[in-house]
Amino acid sequence: MEHLDKIVFAVERKRRFLGMSVAELARRAHVDDKRLRRVLSCERVMSADELVRVCAVLKIPLASLQFDEVERDGGQRIKER
């Protein structure tokens, strides 16, 4: 799974866990509903500011999305925190 796919997966997993619709997430994050739907279906890439707002709404720490570092060092950075 590519890095961007992992970010979308993490966002979708948390959104569904919270029982939040895409429309509600878009409204709370101040992102266009159609644009967010295309991001979540991997039809477009999310901008950095959109990612920050979406993660803030879902309470996903941005540091938790550093999958490349976790994969490279076998999760050592996570264990050290």
PDB file of N, CA and C in Angstrom:
ATOM      1  N   MET A   1       0.846  -1.176   0.000  1.00  0.00           N
ATOM      2  CA  MET A   1       0.000   0.000   0.000  1.00  0.00           C
ATOM      3  C   MET A   1       0.893   1.242   0.000  1.00  0.00           C
ATOM      4  N   GLU A   2       0.589   2.184  -0.866  1.00  0.00           N
ATOM      5  CA  GLU A   2       1.375   3.408  -0.955  1.00  0.00           C
ATOM      6  C   GLU A   2       1.040   4.346   0.202  1.00  0.00           C
ATOM      7  N   HIS A   3       1.933   5.292   0.440  1.00  0.00           N
ATOM      8  CA  HIS A   3       1.786   6.214   1.566  1.00  0.00           C
ATOM      9  C   HIS A   3       0.456   6.958   1.514  1.00  0.00           C
ATOM     10  N   LEU A   4       0.086   7.494   0.360  1.00  0.00           N
ATOM     11  CA  LEU A   4      -1.172   8.240   0.254  1.00  0.00           C
ATOM     12  C   LEU A   4      -2.375   7.346   0.508  1.00  0.00           C
ATOM     13  N   ASP A   5      -2.297   6.102   0.042  1.00  0.00           N
ATOM     14  CA  ASP A   5      -3.376   5.148   0.299  1.00  0.00           C
ATOM     15  C   ASP A   5      -3.514   4.887   1.794  1.00  0.00           C
ATOM     16  N   LYS A   6      -2.397   4.831   2.500  1.00  0.00           N
ATOM     17  CA  LYS A   6      -2.418   4.587   3.943  1.00  0.00           C
ATOM     18  C   LYS A   6      -3.052   5.757   4.688  1.00  0.00           C
ATOM     19  N   ILE A   7      -2.796   6.967   4.211  1.00  0.00           N
ATOM     20  CA  ILE A   7      -3.407   8.142   4.834  1.00  0.00           C
ATOM     21  C   ILE A   7      -4.913   8.108   4.634  1.00  0.00           C
ATOM     22  N   VAL A   8      -5.351   7.835   3.420  1.00  0.00           N
ATOM     23  CA  VAL A   8      -6.786   7.746   3.137  1.00  0.00           C
ATOM     24  C   VAL A   8      -7.406   6.632   3.966  1.00  0.00           C
ATOM     25  N   PHE A   9      -6.722   5.495   4.065  1.00  0.00           N
ATOM     26  CA  PHE A   9      -7.228   4.374   4.857  1.00  0.00           C
ATOM     27  C   PHE A   9      -7.403   4.780   6.319  1.00  0.00           C
ATOM     28  N   ALA A  10      -6.415   5.482   6.873  1.00  0.00           N
ATOM     29  CA  ALA A  10      -6.481   5.911   8.274  1.00  0.00           C
ATOM     30  C   ALA A  10      -7.629   6.893   8.493  1.00  0.00           C
ATOM     31  N   VAL A  11      -7.795   7.828   7.567  1.00  0.00           N
ATOM     32  CA  VAL A  11      -8.880   8.812   7.672  1.00  0.00           C
ATOM     33  C   VAL A  11     -10.231   8.114   7.575  1.00  0.00           C
ATOM     34  N   GLU A  12     -10.384   7.239   6.605  1.00  0.00           N
ATOM     35  CA  GLU A  12     -11.658   6.533   6.423  1.00  0.00           C
ATOM     36  C   GLU A  12     -11.974   5.631   7.613  1.00  0.00           C
ATOM     37  N   ARG A  13     -10.978   4.952   8.136  1.00  0.00           N
ATOM     38  CA  ARG A  13     -11.192   4.073   9.289  1.00  0.00           C
ATOM     39  C   ARG A  13     -11.695   4.874  10.492  1.00  0.00           C
ATOM     40  N   LYS A  14     -11.066   6.011  10.757  1.00  0.00           N
ATOM     41  CA  LYS A  14     -11.466   6.836  11.907  1.00  0.00           C
ATOM     42  C   LYS A  14     -12.837   7.469  11.678  1.00  0.00           C
ATOM     43  N   ARG A  15     -13.094   7.924  10.456  1.00  0.00           N
ATOM     44  CA  ARG A  15     -14.394   8.530  10.137  1.00  0.00           C
ATOM     45  C   ARG A  15     -15.509   7.518  10.357  1.00  0.00           C
ATOM     46  N   ARG A  16     -15.317   6.316   9.871  1.00  0.00           N
ATOM     47  CA  ARG A  16     -16.336   5.272  10.036  1.00  0.00           C
ATOM     48  C   ARG A  16     -16.482   4.861  11.496  1.00  0.00           C
ATOM     49  N   PHE A  17     -15.372   4.779  12.214  1.00  0.00           N
ATOM     50  CA  PHE A  17     -15.411   4.440  13.637  1.00  0.00           C
ATOM     51  C   PHE A  17     -16.268   5.446  14.404  1.00  0.00           C
ATOM     52  N   LEU A  18     -16.128   6.720  14.036  1.00  0.00           N
ATOM     53  CA  LEU A  18     -16.902   7.780  14.687  1.00  0.00           C
ATOM     54  C   LEU A  18     -18.337   7.869  14.180  1.00  0.00           C
ATOM     55  N   GLY A  19     -18.646   7.130  13.120  1.00  0.00           N
ATOM     56  CA  GLY A  19     -19.986   7.178  12.546  1.00  0.00           C
ATOM     57  C   GLY A  19     -20.291   8.494  11.858  1.00  0.00           C
ATOM     58  N   MET A  20     -19.259   9.139  11.341  1.00  0.00           N
ATOM     59  CA  MET A  20     -19.396  10.455  10.714  1.00  0.00           C
ATOM     60  C   MET A  20     -19.519  10.299   9.195  1.00  0.00           C
ATOM     61  N   SER A  21     -20.460  10.981   8.613  1.00  0.00           N
ATOM     62  CA  SER A  21     -20.599  10.943   7.161  1.00  0.00           C
ATOM     63  C   SER A  21     -19.494  11.784   6.513  1.00  0.00           C
ATOM     64  N   VAL A  22     -19.271  11.526   5.241  1.00  0.00           N
ATOM     65  CA  VAL A  22     -18.290  12.328   4.500  1.00  0.00           C
ATOM     66  C   VAL A  22     -18.749  13.782   4.462  1.00  0.00           C
ATOM     67  N   ALA A  23     -20.041  13.999   4.296  1.00  0.00           N
ATOM     68  CA  ALA A  23     -20.575  15.363   4.253  1.00  0.00           C
ATOM     69  C   ALA A  23     -20.310  16.095   5.568  1.00  0.00           C
ATOM     70  N   GLU A  24     -20.499  15.405   6.689  1.00  0.00           N
ATOM     71  CA  GLU A  24     -20.271  16.027   7.996  1.00  0.00           C
ATOM     72  C   GLU A  24     -18.786  16.320   8.201  1.00  0.00           C
ATOM     73  N   LEU A  25     -17.929  15.386   7.824  1.00  0.00           N
ATOM     74  CA  LEU A  25     -16.481  15.609   7.934  1.00  0.00           C
ATOM     75  C   LEU A  25     -16.075  16.800   7.078  1.00  0.00           C
ATOM     76  N   ALA A  26     -16.576  16.859   5.864  1.00  0.00           N
ATOM     77  CA  ALA A  26     -16.257  17.970   4.967  1.00  0.00           C
ATOM     78  C   ALA A  26     -16.715  19.300   5.573  1.00  0.00           C
ATOM     79  N   ARG A  27     -17.914  19.315   6.120  1.00  0.00           N
ATOM     80  CA  ARG A  27     -18.439  20.545   6.729  1.00  0.00           C
ATOM     81  C   ARG A  27     -17.571  20.990   7.895  1.00  0.00           C
ATOM     82  N   ARG A  28     -17.241  20.059   8.784  1.00  0.00           N
ATOM     83  CA  ARG A  28     -16.445  20.412   9.959  1.00  0.00           C
ATOM     84  C   ARG A  28     -15.019  20.814   9.608  1.00  0.00           C
ATOM     85  N   ALA A  29     -14.470  20.220   8.535  1.00  0.00           N
ATOM     86  CA  ALA A  29     -13.090  20.518   8.140  1.00  0.00           C
ATOM     87  C   ALA A  29     -13.010  21.682   7.144  1.00  0.00           C
ATOM     88  N   HIS A  30     -14.161  22.229   6.766  1.00  0.00           N
ATOM     89  CA  HIS A  30     -14.204  23.332   5.796  1.00  0.00           C
ATOM     90  C   HIS A  30     -13.555  22.922   4.473  1.00  0.00           C
ATOM     91  N   VAL A  31     -13.964  21.734   4.000  1.00  0.00           N
ATOM     92  CA  VAL A  31     -13.502  21.201   2.723  1.00  0.00           C
ATOM     93  C   VAL A  31     -14.740  20.924   1.886  1.00  0.00           C
ATOM     94  N   ASP A  32     -14.659  21.185   0.597  1.00  0.00           N
ATOM     95  CA  ASP A  32     -15.776  20.908  -0.292  1.00  0.00           C
ATOM     96  C   ASP A  32     -16.119  19.419  -0.243  1.00  0.00           C
ATOM     97  N   ASP A  33     -17.397  19.120  -0.108  1.00  0.00           N
ATOM     98  CA  ASP A  33     -17.880  17.748   0.018  1.00  0.00           C
ATOM     99  C   ASP A  33     -17.444  16.870  -1.161  1.00  0.00           C
ATOM    100  N   LYS A  34     -17.663  17.347  -2.383  1.00  0.00           N
ATOM    101  CA  LYS A  34     -17.300  16.564  -3.573  1.00  0.00           C
ATOM    102  C   LYS A  34     -15.794  16.342  -3.646  1.00  0.00           C
ATOM    103  N   ARG A  35     -15.049  17.355  -3.281  1.00  0.00           N
ATOM    104  CA  ARG A  35     -13.584  17.265  -3.290  1.00  0.00           C
ATOM    105  C   ARG A  35     -13.117  16.193  -2.302  1.00  0.00           C
ATOM    106  N   LEU A  36     -13.689  16.193  -1.096  1.00  0.00           N
ATOM    107  CA  LEU A  36     -13.311  15.205  -0.094  1.00  0.00           C
ATOM    108  C   LEU A  36     -13.699  13.797  -0.536  1.00  0.00           C
ATOM    109  N   ARG A  37     -14.850  13.663  -1.139  1.00  0.00           N
ATOM    110  CA  ARG A  37     -15.267  12.346  -1.646  1.00  0.00           C
ATOM    111  C   ARG A  37     -14.267  11.824  -2.685  1.00  0.00           C
ATOM    112  N   ARG A  38     -13.782  12.709  -3.547  1.00  0.00           N
ATOM    113  CA  ARG A  38     -12.804  12.292  -4.558  1.00  0.00           C
ATOM    114  C   ARG A  38     -11.481  11.919  -3.907  1.00  0.00           C
ATOM    115  N   VAL A  39     -11.099  12.609  -2.850  1.00  0.00           N
ATOM    116  CA  VAL A  39      -9.878  12.264  -2.109  1.00  0.00           C
ATOM    117  C   VAL A  39     -10.025  10.883  -1.490  1.00  0.00           C
ATOM    118  N   LEU A  40     -11.151  10.650  -0.838  1.00  0.00           N
ATOM    119  CA  LEU A  40     -11.357   9.390  -0.138  1.00  0.00           C
ATOM    120  C   LEU A  40     -11.548   8.211  -1.074  1.00  0.00           C
ATOM    121  N   SER A  41     -11.854   8.487  -2.330  1.00  0.00           N
ATOM    122  CA  SER A  41     -11.935   7.409  -3.320  1.00  0.00           C
ATOM    123  C   SER A  41     -10.654   7.351  -4.154  1.00  0.00           C
ATOM    124  N   CYS A  42      -9.632   8.062  -3.715  1.00  0.00           N
ATOM    125  CA  CYS A  42      -8.296   8.075  -4.342  1.00  0.00           C
ATOM    126  C   CYS A  42      -8.313   8.596  -5.775  1.00  0.00           C
ATOM    127  N   GLU A  43      -9.254   9.491  -6.068  1.00  0.00           N
ATOM    128  CA  GLU A  43      -9.318  10.108  -7.391  1.00  0.00           C
ATOM    129  C   GLU A  43      -8.502  11.389  -7.451  1.00  0.00           C
ATOM    130  N   ARG A  44      -8.161  11.949  -6.288  1.00  0.00           N
ATOM    131  CA  ARG A  44      -7.327  13.146  -6.235  1.00  0.00           C
ATOM    132  C   ARG A  44      -6.541  13.121  -4.937  1.00  0.00           C
ATOM    133  N   VAL A  45      -5.533  13.974  -4.872  1.00  0.00           N
ATOM    134  CA  VAL A  45      -4.666  14.050  -3.697  1.00  0.00           C
ATOM    135  C   VAL A  45      -5.132  15.194  -2.805  1.00  0.00           C
ATOM    136  N   MET A  46      -5.099  14.975  -1.511  1.00  0.00           N
ATOM    137  CA  MET A  46      -5.493  15.989  -0.548  1.00  0.00           C
ATOM    138  C   MET A  46      -4.347  16.984  -0.359  1.00  0.00           C
ATOM    139  N   SER A  47      -4.660  18.268  -0.281  1.00  0.00           N
ATOM    140  CA  SER A  47      -3.632  19.268  -0.005  1.00  0.00           C
ATOM    141  C   SER A  47      -3.224  19.173   1.458  1.00  0.00           C
ATOM    142  N   ALA A  48      -2.090  19.727   1.776  1.00  0.00           N
ATOM    143  CA  ALA A  48      -1.580  19.670   3.157  1.00  0.00           C
ATOM    144  C   ALA A  48      -2.533  20.352   4.124  1.00  0.00           C
ATOM    145  N   ASP A  49      -3.072  21.508   3.747  1.00  0.00           N
ATOM    146  CA  ASP A  49      -3.976  22.199   4.670  1.00  0.00           C
ATOM    147  C   ASP A  49      -5.280  21.429   4.852  1.00  0.00           C
ATOM    148  N   GLU A  50      -5.762  20.761   3.807  1.00  0.00           N
ATOM    149  CA  GLU A  50      -6.949  19.920   3.948  1.00  0.00           C
ATOM    150  C   GLU A  50      -6.660  18.753   4.895  1.00  0.00           C
ATOM    151  N   LEU A  51      -5.501  18.145   4.733  1.00  0.00           N
ATOM    152  CA  LEU A  51      -5.121  17.024   5.590  1.00  0.00           C
ATOM    153  C   LEU A  51      -5.067  17.440   7.054  1.00  0.00           C
ATOM    154  N   VAL A  52      -4.479  18.588   7.314  1.00  0.00           N
ATOM    155  CA  VAL A  52      -4.385  19.079   8.694  1.00  0.00           C
ATOM    156  C   VAL A  52      -5.783  19.298   9.276  1.00  0.00           C
ATOM    157  N   ARG A  53      -6.674  19.910   8.507  1.00  0.00           N
ATOM    158  CA  ARG A  53      -8.029  20.176   9.008  1.00  0.00           C
ATOM    159  C   ARG A  53      -8.818  18.882   9.226  1.00  0.00           C
ATOM    160  N   VAL A  54      -8.709  17.954   8.279  1.00  0.00           N
ATOM    161  CA  VAL A  54      -9.416  16.672   8.408  1.00  0.00           C
ATOM    162  C   VAL A  54      -8.898  15.907   9.623  1.00  0.00           C
ATOM    163  N   CYS A  55      -7.587  15.867   9.796  1.00  0.00           N
ATOM    164  CA  CYS A  55      -7.007  15.171  10.946  1.00  0.00           C
ATOM    165  C   CYS A  55      -7.400  15.838  12.259  1.00  0.00           C
ATOM    166  N   ALA A  56      -7.507  17.147  12.269  1.00  0.00           N
ATOM    167  CA  ALA A  56      -7.923  17.863  13.478  1.00  0.00           C
ATOM    168  C   ALA A  56      -9.352  17.482  13.856  1.00  0.00           C
ATOM    169  N   VAL A  57     -10.234  17.426  12.875  1.00  0.00           N
ATOM    170  CA  VAL A  57     -11.625  17.057  13.135  1.00  0.00           C
ATOM    171  C   VAL A  57     -11.708  15.631  13.668  1.00  0.00           C
ATOM    172  N   LEU A  58     -10.932  14.728  13.065  1.00  0.00           N
ATOM    173  CA  LEU A  58     -10.979  13.317  13.459  1.00  0.00           C
ATOM    174  C   LEU A  58     -10.075  12.997  14.644  1.00  0.00           C
ATOM    175  N   LYS A  59      -9.316  14.010  15.089  1.00  0.00           N
ATOM    176  CA  LYS A  59      -8.366  13.832  16.193  1.00  0.00           C
ATOM    177  C   LYS A  59      -7.343  12.735  15.880  1.00  0.00           C
ATOM    178  N   ILE A  60      -6.812  12.799  14.650  1.00  0.00           N
ATOM    179  CA  ILE A  60      -5.738  11.904  14.229  1.00  0.00           C
ATOM    180  C   ILE A  60      -4.440  12.694  14.331  1.00  0.00           C
ATOM    181  N   PRO A  61      -3.509  12.289  15.193  1.00  0.00           N
ATOM    182  CA  PRO A  61      -2.230  13.004  15.269  1.00  0.00           C
ATOM    183  C   PRO A  61      -1.473  12.881  13.946  1.00  0.00           C
ATOM    184  N   LEU A  62      -1.014  14.008  13.432  1.00  0.00           N
ATOM    185  CA  LEU A  62      -0.288  13.966  12.160  1.00  0.00           C
ATOM    186  C   LEU A  62       0.936  13.063  12.243  1.00  0.00           C
ATOM    187  N   ALA A  63       1.571  13.020  13.391  1.00  0.00           N
ATOM    188  CA  ALA A  63       2.758  12.169  13.552  1.00  0.00           C
ATOM    189  C   ALA A  63       2.427  10.696  13.328  1.00  0.00           C
ATOM    190  N   SER A  64       1.188  10.317  13.573  1.00  0.00           N
ATOM    191  CA  SER A  64       0.820   8.913  13.388  1.00  0.00           C
ATOM    192  C   SER A  64       0.740   8.532  11.916  1.00  0.00           C
ATOM    193  N   LEU A  65       0.772   9.517  11.025  1.00  0.00           N
ATOM    194  CA  LEU A  65       0.684   9.255   9.586  1.00  0.00           C
ATOM    195  C   LEU A  65       2.053   9.140   8.925  1.00  0.00           C
ATOM    196  N   GLN A  66       3.104   9.073   9.693  1.00  0.00           N
ATOM    197  CA  GLN A  66       4.457   8.958   9.144  1.00  0.00           C
ATOM    198  C   GLN A  66       4.796   7.497   8.912  1.00  0.00           C
ATOM    199  N   PHE A  67       4.045   6.879   8.014  1.00  0.00           N
ATOM    200  CA  PHE A  67       4.193   5.453   7.767  1.00  0.00           C
ATOM    201  C   PHE A  67       5.557   5.084   7.200  1.00  0.00           C
ATOM    202  N   ASP A  68       6.124   5.943   6.355  1.00  0.00           N
ATOM    203  CA  ASP A  68       7.421   5.612   5.743  1.00  0.00           C
ATOM    204  C   ASP A  68       8.488   5.413   6.810  1.00  0.00           C
ATOM    205  N   GLU A  69       8.527   6.263   7.820  1.00  0.00           N
ATOM    206  CA  GLU A  69       9.513   6.130   8.880  1.00  0.00           C
ATOM    207  C   GLU A  69       9.270   4.871   9.701  1.00  0.00           C
ATOM    208  N   VAL A  70       8.015   4.588   9.959  1.00  0.00           N
ATOM    209  CA  VAL A  70       7.682   3.399  10.749  1.00  0.00           C
ATOM    210  C   VAL A  70       8.106   2.150  10.000  1.00  0.00           C
ATOM    211  N   GLU A  71       7.855   2.106   8.695  1.00  0.00           N
ATOM    212  CA  GLU A  71       8.221   0.931   7.909  1.00  0.00           C
ATOM    213  C   GLU A  71       9.734   0.774   7.813  1.00  0.00           C
ATOM    214  N   ARG A  72      10.460   1.870   7.675  1.00  0.00           N
ATOM    215  CA  ARG A  72      11.918   1.805   7.528  1.00  0.00           C
ATOM    216  C   ARG A  72      12.601   1.305   8.790  1.00  0.00           C
ATOM    217  N   ASP A  73      12.142   1.784   9.938  1.00  0.00           N
ATOM    218  CA  ASP A  73      12.855   1.433  11.170  1.00  0.00           C
ATOM    219  C   ASP A  73      12.116   0.366  11.987  1.00  0.00           C
ATOM    220  N   GLY A  74      11.158  -0.297  11.395  1.00  0.00           N
ATOM    221  CA  GLY A  74      10.463  -1.372  12.073  1.00  0.00           C
ATOM    222  C   GLY A  74       9.617  -0.916  13.253  1.00  0.00           C
ATOM    223  N   GLY A  75       9.231   0.339  13.285  1.00  0.00           N
ATOM    224  CA  GLY A  75       8.402   0.858  14.365  1.00  0.00           C
ATOM    225  C   GLY A  75       9.191   1.328  15.574  1.00  0.00           C
ATOM    226  N   GLN A  76      10.510   1.367  15.464  1.00  0.00           N
ATOM    227  CA  GLN A  76      11.350   1.744  16.603  1.00  0.00           C
ATOM    228  C   GLN A  76      11.000   3.134  17.138  1.00  0.00           C
ATOM    229  N   ARG A  77      10.728   4.083  16.253  1.00  0.00           N
ATOM    230  CA  ARG A  77      10.401   5.441  16.699  1.00  0.00           C
ATOM    231  C   ARG A  77       9.126   5.450  17.525  1.00  0.00           C
ATOM    232  N   ILE A  78       8.165   4.640  17.145  1.00  0.00           N
ATOM    233  CA  ILE A  78       6.913   4.564  17.896  1.00  0.00           C
ATOM    234  C   ILE A  78       7.197   3.999  19.293  1.00  0.00           C
ATOM    235  N   LYS A  79       8.010   2.975  19.374  1.00  0.00           N
ATOM    236  CA  LYS A  79       8.315   2.334  20.650  1.00  0.00           C
ATOM    237  C   LYS A  79       9.070   3.253  21.585  1.00  0.00           C
ATOM    238  N   GLU A  80       9.889   4.154  21.024  1.00  0.00           N
ATOM    239  CA  GLU A  80      10.703   5.044  21.835  1.00  0.00           C
ATOM    240  C   GLU A  80       9.897   6.152  22.451  1.00  0.00           C
ATOM    241  N   ARG A  81       8.757   6.498  21.906  1.00  0.00           N
ATOM    242  CA  ARG A  81       7.957   7.642  22.385  1.00  0.00           C
ATOM    243  C   ARG A  81       7.264   7.347  23.672  1.00  0.00           C
TER     244      ARG A  81
END
